[in-house]
Amino acid sequence: MYFCFLNDYDRSRVAQIPKEVFEPEETILLDLEIGGEAITI
């Protein structure tokens, strides 16, 4: 979740995933709801 809030990539757990499993070009989205409104980051 912190990654979707613009956490530093090099310090994120996402950077620790092997590139064979999760390519750097992959898109990460966070779906959440605030005050009954659906938001995707």
PDB file of N, CA and C in Angstrom:
ATOM      1  N   MET A   1       0.818  -1.182   0.000  1.00  0.00           N
ATOM      2  CA  MET A   1       0.000   0.000   0.000  1.00  0.00           C
ATOM      3  C   MET A   1       0.871   1.258   0.000  1.00  0.00           C
ATOM      4  N   TYR A   2       1.935   1.300   0.813  1.00  0.00           N
ATOM      5  CA  TYR A   2       2.775   2.498   0.858  1.00  0.00           C
ATOM      6  C   TYR A   2       3.374   2.805  -0.498  1.00  0.00           C
ATOM      7  N   PHE A   3       3.641   1.774  -1.296  1.00  0.00           N
ATOM      8  CA  PHE A   3       4.202   1.985  -2.621  1.00  0.00           C
ATOM      9  C   PHE A   3       3.254   2.825  -3.477  1.00  0.00           C
ATOM     10  N   CYS A   4       1.969   2.558  -3.351  1.00  0.00           N
ATOM     11  CA  CYS A   4       0.981   3.307  -4.130  1.00  0.00           C
ATOM     12  C   CYS A   4       0.858   4.757  -3.665  1.00  0.00           C
ATOM     13  N   PHE A   5       1.330   5.047  -2.473  1.00  0.00           N
ATOM     14  CA  PHE A   5       1.327   6.426  -1.970  1.00  0.00           C
ATOM     15  C   PHE A   5       2.667   7.100  -2.228  1.00  0.00           C
ATOM     16  N   LEU A   6       3.350   6.667  -3.291  1.00  0.00           N
ATOM     17  CA  LEU A   6       4.583   7.278  -3.789  1.00  0.00           C
ATOM     18  C   LEU A   6       5.781   7.093  -2.867  1.00  0.00           C
ATOM     19  N   ASN A   7       5.832   5.960  -2.164  1.00  0.00           N
ATOM     20  CA  ASN A   7       7.016   5.623  -1.382  1.00  0.00           C
ATOM     21  C   ASN A   7       8.197   5.467  -2.336  1.00  0.00           C
ATOM     22  N   ASP A   8       9.405   5.708  -1.863  1.00  0.00           N
ATOM     23  CA  ASP A   8      10.608   5.583  -2.665  1.00  0.00           C
ATOM     24  C   ASP A   8      10.767   4.130  -3.133  1.00  0.00           C
ATOM     25  N   TYR A   9      10.858   3.914  -4.436  1.00  0.00           N
ATOM     26  CA  TYR A   9      10.943   2.548  -4.989  1.00  0.00           C
ATOM     27  C   TYR A   9      12.112   1.768  -4.404  1.00  0.00           C
ATOM     28  N   ASP A  10      13.284   2.372  -4.324  1.00  0.00           N
ATOM     29  CA  ASP A  10      14.471   1.663  -3.844  1.00  0.00           C
ATOM     30  C   ASP A  10      14.339   1.205  -2.397  1.00  0.00           C
ATOM     31  N   ARG A  11      13.506   1.857  -1.623  1.00  0.00           N
ATOM     32  CA  ARG A  11      13.315   1.496  -0.217  1.00  0.00           C
ATOM     33  C   ARG A  11      12.073   0.647   0.000  1.00  0.00           C
ATOM     34  N   SER A  12      11.350   0.330  -1.071  1.00  0.00           N
ATOM     35  CA  SER A  12      10.104  -0.416  -0.947  1.00  0.00           C
ATOM     36  C   SER A  12      10.328  -1.922  -1.025  1.00  0.00           C
ATOM     37  N   ARG A  13       9.371  -2.673  -0.512  1.00  0.00           N
ATOM     38  CA  ARG A  13       9.427  -4.132  -0.625  1.00  0.00           C
ATOM     39  C   ARG A  13       9.246  -4.567  -2.074  1.00  0.00           C
ATOM     40  N   VAL A  14       8.598  -3.743  -2.871  1.00  0.00           N
ATOM     41  CA  VAL A  14       8.397  -4.073  -4.283  1.00  0.00           C
ATOM     42  C   VAL A  14       9.748  -4.231  -4.986  1.00  0.00           C
ATOM     43  N   ALA A  15      10.732  -3.428  -4.624  1.00  0.00           N
ATOM     44  CA  ALA A  15      12.058  -3.507  -5.232  1.00  0.00           C
ATOM     45  C   ALA A  15      12.764  -4.817  -4.911  1.00  0.00           C
ATOM     46  N   GLN A  16      12.323  -5.505  -3.866  1.00  0.00           N
ATOM     47  CA  GLN A  16      12.950  -6.761  -3.453  1.00  0.00           C
ATOM     48  C   GLN A  16      12.417  -7.972  -4.229  1.00  0.00           C
ATOM     49  N   ILE A  17      11.334  -7.805  -4.958  1.00  0.00           N
ATOM     50  CA  ILE A  17      10.745  -8.916  -5.726  1.00  0.00           C
ATOM     51  C   ILE A  17      11.620  -9.163  -6.954  1.00  0.00           C
ATOM     52  N   PRO A  18      12.037 -10.424  -7.180  1.00  0.00           N
ATOM     53  CA  PRO A  18      12.889 -10.717  -8.352  1.00  0.00           C
ATOM     54  C   PRO A  18      12.219 -10.274  -9.656  1.00  0.00           C
ATOM     55  N   LYS A  19      13.004  -9.723 -10.567  1.00  0.00           N
ATOM     56  CA  LYS A  19      12.471  -9.217 -11.831  1.00  0.00           C
ATOM     57  C   LYS A  19      11.829 -10.323 -12.671  1.00  0.00           C
ATOM     58  N   GLU A  20      12.238 -11.572 -12.454  1.00  0.00           N
ATOM     59  CA  GLU A  20      11.626 -12.684 -13.186  1.00  0.00           C
ATOM     60  C   GLU A  20      10.182 -12.916 -12.738  1.00  0.00           C
ATOM     61  N   VAL A  21       9.865 -12.490 -11.521  1.00  0.00           N
ATOM     62  CA  VAL A  21       8.530 -12.683 -10.963  1.00  0.00           C
ATOM     63  C   VAL A  21       7.657 -11.454 -11.198  1.00  0.00           C
ATOM     64  N   PHE A  22       8.269 -10.283 -11.067  1.00  0.00           N
ATOM     65  CA  PHE A  22       7.515  -9.032 -11.122  1.00  0.00           C
ATOM     66  C   PHE A  22       8.354  -8.004 -11.866  1.00  0.00           C
ATOM     67  N   GLU A  23       8.081  -7.837 -13.145  1.00  0.00           N
ATOM     68  CA  GLU A  23       8.880  -6.955 -13.991  1.00  0.00           C
ATOM     69  C   GLU A  23       8.715  -5.485 -13.588  1.00  0.00           C
ATOM     70  N   PRO A  24       9.781  -4.686 -13.667  1.00  0.00           N
ATOM     71  CA  PRO A  24       9.711  -3.267 -13.274  1.00  0.00           C
ATOM     72  C   PRO A  24       8.658  -2.470 -14.039  1.00  0.00           C
ATOM     73  N   GLU A  25       8.300  -2.899 -15.234  1.00  0.00           N
ATOM     74  CA  GLU A  25       7.299  -2.177 -16.035  1.00  0.00           C
ATOM     75  C   GLU A  25       5.872  -2.492 -15.596  1.00  0.00           C
ATOM     76  N   GLU A  26       5.702  -3.398 -14.660  1.00  0.00           N
ATOM     77  CA  GLU A  26       4.368  -3.791 -14.195  1.00  0.00           C
ATOM     78  C   GLU A  26       3.669  -2.601 -13.550  1.00  0.00           C
ATOM     79  N   THR A  27       2.368  -2.527 -13.697  1.00  0.00           N
ATOM     80  CA  THR A  27       1.576  -1.455 -13.112  1.00  0.00           C
ATOM     81  C   THR A  27       1.008  -1.914 -11.773  1.00  0.00           C
ATOM     82  N   ILE A  28       1.106  -1.061 -10.764  1.00  0.00           N
ATOM     83  CA  ILE A  28       0.556  -1.354  -9.440  1.00  0.00           C
ATOM     84  C   ILE A  28      -0.541  -0.342  -9.173  1.00  0.00           C
ATOM     85  N   LEU A  29      -1.723  -0.831  -8.807  1.00  0.00           N
ATOM     86  CA  LEU A  29      -2.860   0.037  -8.513  1.00  0.00           C
ATOM     87  C   LEU A  29      -3.371  -0.256  -7.108  1.00  0.00           C
ATOM     88  N   LEU A  30      -3.856   0.759  -6.431  1.00  0.00           N
ATOM     89  CA  LEU A  30      -4.479   0.614  -5.127  1.00  0.00           C
ATOM     90  C   LEU A  30      -5.913   1.092  -5.246  1.00  0.00           C
ATOM     91  N   ASP A  31      -6.868   0.196  -5.009  1.00  0.00           N
ATOM     92  CA  ASP A  31      -8.279   0.558  -5.015  1.00  0.00           C
ATOM     93  C   ASP A  31      -8.727   0.762  -3.568  1.00  0.00           C
ATOM     94  N   LEU A  32      -9.355   1.908  -3.293  1.00  0.00           N
ATOM     95  CA  LEU A  32      -9.856   2.155  -1.966  1.00  0.00           C
ATOM     96  C   LEU A  32     -11.127   2.987  -2.037  1.00  0.00           C
ATOM     97  N   GLU A  33     -11.778   3.090  -0.906  1.00  0.00           N
ATOM     98  CA  GLU A  33     -13.014   3.857  -0.844  1.00  0.00           C
ATOM     99  C   GLU A  33     -12.908   4.858   0.305  1.00  0.00           C
ATOM    100  N   ILE A  34     -13.190   6.129  -0.005  1.00  0.00           N
ATOM    101  CA  ILE A  34     -13.166   7.179   0.999  1.00  0.00           C
ATOM    102  C   ILE A  34     -14.493   7.927   0.946  1.00  0.00           C
ATOM    103  N   GLY A  35     -15.184   7.913   2.068  1.00  0.00           N
ATOM    104  CA  GLY A  35     -16.481   8.587   2.122  1.00  0.00           C
ATOM    105  C   GLY A  35     -17.468   8.068   1.102  1.00  0.00           C
ATOM    106  N   GLY A  36     -17.414   6.770   0.823  1.00  0.00           N
ATOM    107  CA  GLY A  36     -18.335   6.162  -0.135  1.00  0.00           C
ATOM    108  C   GLY A  36     -17.931   6.355  -1.583  1.00  0.00           C
ATOM    109  N   GLU A  37     -16.812   7.007  -1.841  1.00  0.00           N
ATOM    110  CA  GLU A  37     -16.333   7.227  -3.202  1.00  0.00           C
ATOM    111  C   GLU A  37     -15.172   6.286  -3.506  1.00  0.00           C
ATOM    112  N   ALA A  38     -15.274   5.524  -4.590  1.00  0.00           N
ATOM    113  CA  ALA A  38     -14.218   4.605  -5.007  1.00  0.00           C
ATOM    114  C   ALA A  38     -13.091   5.385  -5.667  1.00  0.00           C
ATOM    115  N   ILE A  39     -11.861   5.080  -5.253  1.00  0.00           N
ATOM    116  CA  ILE A  39     -10.674   5.771  -5.778  1.00  0.00           C
ATOM    117  C   ILE A  39      -9.638   4.737  -6.158  1.00  0.00           C
ATOM    118  N   THR A  40      -8.974   4.936  -7.296  1.00  0.00           N
ATOM    119  CA  THR A  40      -7.861   4.090  -7.712  1.00  0.00           C
ATOM    120  C   THR A  40      -6.614   4.961  -7.829  1.00  0.00           C
ATOM    121  N   ILE A  41      -5.567   4.531  -7.140  1.00  0.00           N
ATOM    122  CA  ILE A  41      -4.285   5.252  -7.194  1.00  0.00           C
ATOM    123  C   ILE A  41      -3.305   4.366  -7.948  1.00  0.00           C
TER     124      ILE A  41
END
